[in-house]
Protein backbone atom coordinates (compact mmCIF):
# COMPACT_ATOMS: atom_id res chain seq x y z
CA UNK A 1 82.50 81.43 164.02
CA UNK A 2 84.16 79.55 167.19
CA UNK A 3 81.85 76.63 168.03
CA UNK A 4 78.61 78.08 166.10
CA UNK A 5 79.65 76.16 162.92
CA UNK A 6 80.93 72.49 165.02
CA UNK A 7 79.53 69.75 164.71
CA UNK A 8 78.02 66.46 166.86
CA UNK A 9 79.51 64.19 166.12
CA UNK A 10 82.89 65.47 164.17
CA UNK A 11 82.57 65.07 160.76
CA UNK A 12 86.40 65.49 159.95
CA UNK A 13 87.16 63.34 162.93
CA UNK A 14 85.10 60.73 161.43
CA UNK A 15 86.66 60.70 157.85
CA UNK A 16 89.92 61.11 159.24
CA UNK A 17 89.68 57.71 161.35
CA UNK A 18 87.62 55.86 159.74
CA UNK A 19 90.34 56.43 156.53
CA UNK A 20 92.87 55.57 159.71
CA UNK A 21 90.69 52.45 159.89
CA UNK A 22 90.75 51.03 156.35
CA UNK A 23 93.95 51.53 155.63
CA UNK A 24 95.32 49.72 158.85
CA UNK A 25 92.97 46.91 157.49
CA UNK A 26 94.66 46.67 154.29
CA UNK A 27 98.55 47.34 155.71
CA UNK A 28 98.47 44.97 158.90
CA UNK A 29 102.20 46.11 159.04
CA UNK A 30 102.06 49.04 159.64
CA UNK A 31 98.09 49.37 161.55
CA UNK A 32 99.58 50.86 165.12
CA UNK A 33 101.37 53.55 163.48
CA UNK A 34 98.47 54.36 160.78
CA UNK A 35 95.99 53.91 163.64
CA UNK A 36 98.13 56.41 166.41
CA UNK A 37 98.06 58.83 163.48
CA UNK A 38 94.97 58.48 162.66
CA UNK A 39 94.14 59.49 166.36
CA UNK A 40 96.55 62.72 166.27
CA UNK A 41 94.42 64.09 163.52
CA UNK A 42 91.06 63.41 165.54
CA UNK A 43 92.57 64.92 168.52
CA UNK A 44 93.92 68.00 167.00
CA UNK A 45 90.00 69.22 166.43
CA UNK A 46 89.96 69.99 170.49
CA UNK A 47 93.28 71.07 170.42
CA UNK A 48 92.48 73.95 167.57
CA UNK A 49 89.22 74.57 169.21
CA UNK A 50 87.35 73.40 166.63
CA UNK A 51 85.26 70.50 168.62
CA UNK A 52 84.59 69.55 171.79
CA UNK A 53 86.04 66.31 172.50
CA UNK A 54 82.44 63.82 172.97
CA UNK A 55 81.89 65.69 169.07
CA UNK A 56 85.43 63.95 168.43
CA UNK A 57 85.33 60.76 170.41
CA UNK A 58 81.95 59.92 168.77
CA UNK A 59 83.43 60.90 165.12
CA UNK A 60 85.77 58.74 165.86
CA UNK A 61 83.66 56.26 166.56
CA UNK A 62 80.92 56.64 164.57
CA UNK A 63 83.84 56.14 161.00
CA UNK A 64 85.49 52.77 163.08
CA UNK A 65 82.66 51.02 163.09
CA UNK A 66 81.43 51.87 159.89
CA UNK A 67 84.80 50.98 158.34
CA UNK A 68 84.63 47.60 160.35
CA UNK A 69 81.15 46.95 159.14
CA UNK A 70 81.93 48.10 155.07
CA UNK A 71 85.11 46.12 155.64
CA UNK A 72 83.56 43.01 156.96
CA UNK A 73 80.00 43.07 154.95
CA UNK A 74 82.02 43.43 150.92
CA UNK A 75 85.50 42.93 151.48
CA UNK A 76 85.28 40.08 153.48
CA UNK A 77 82.47 38.32 151.54
CA UNK A 78 84.19 38.58 148.16
CA UNK A 79 87.52 36.95 149.07
CA UNK A 80 85.05 34.20 150.76
CA UNK A 81 83.41 33.76 147.56
CA UNK A 82 86.44 34.13 145.71
CA UNK A 83 88.63 31.44 147.64
CA UNK A 84 85.37 29.07 147.23
CA UNK A 85 86.08 28.45 143.67
CA UNK A 86 89.51 27.99 143.67
CA UNK A 87 90.38 23.52 143.83
């Protein structure tokens, strides 16, 4: 199949970096290790010639932006609303 089945942006890269970003936000002590692991997965797609570099960079960017948006929209709002209820 080769590049006939490759897509832009890379869904694998978006998923890998979004999961890594979510874990990094939850486990801040290990955030650098987690993000490096996610980035290695991202660039393994290029090394294995499954995607072009632009595919994985944009895919990772989409994954990170989506995760940050969801984290800010849902998680931080919930934490902020819960802390108001405390005496």
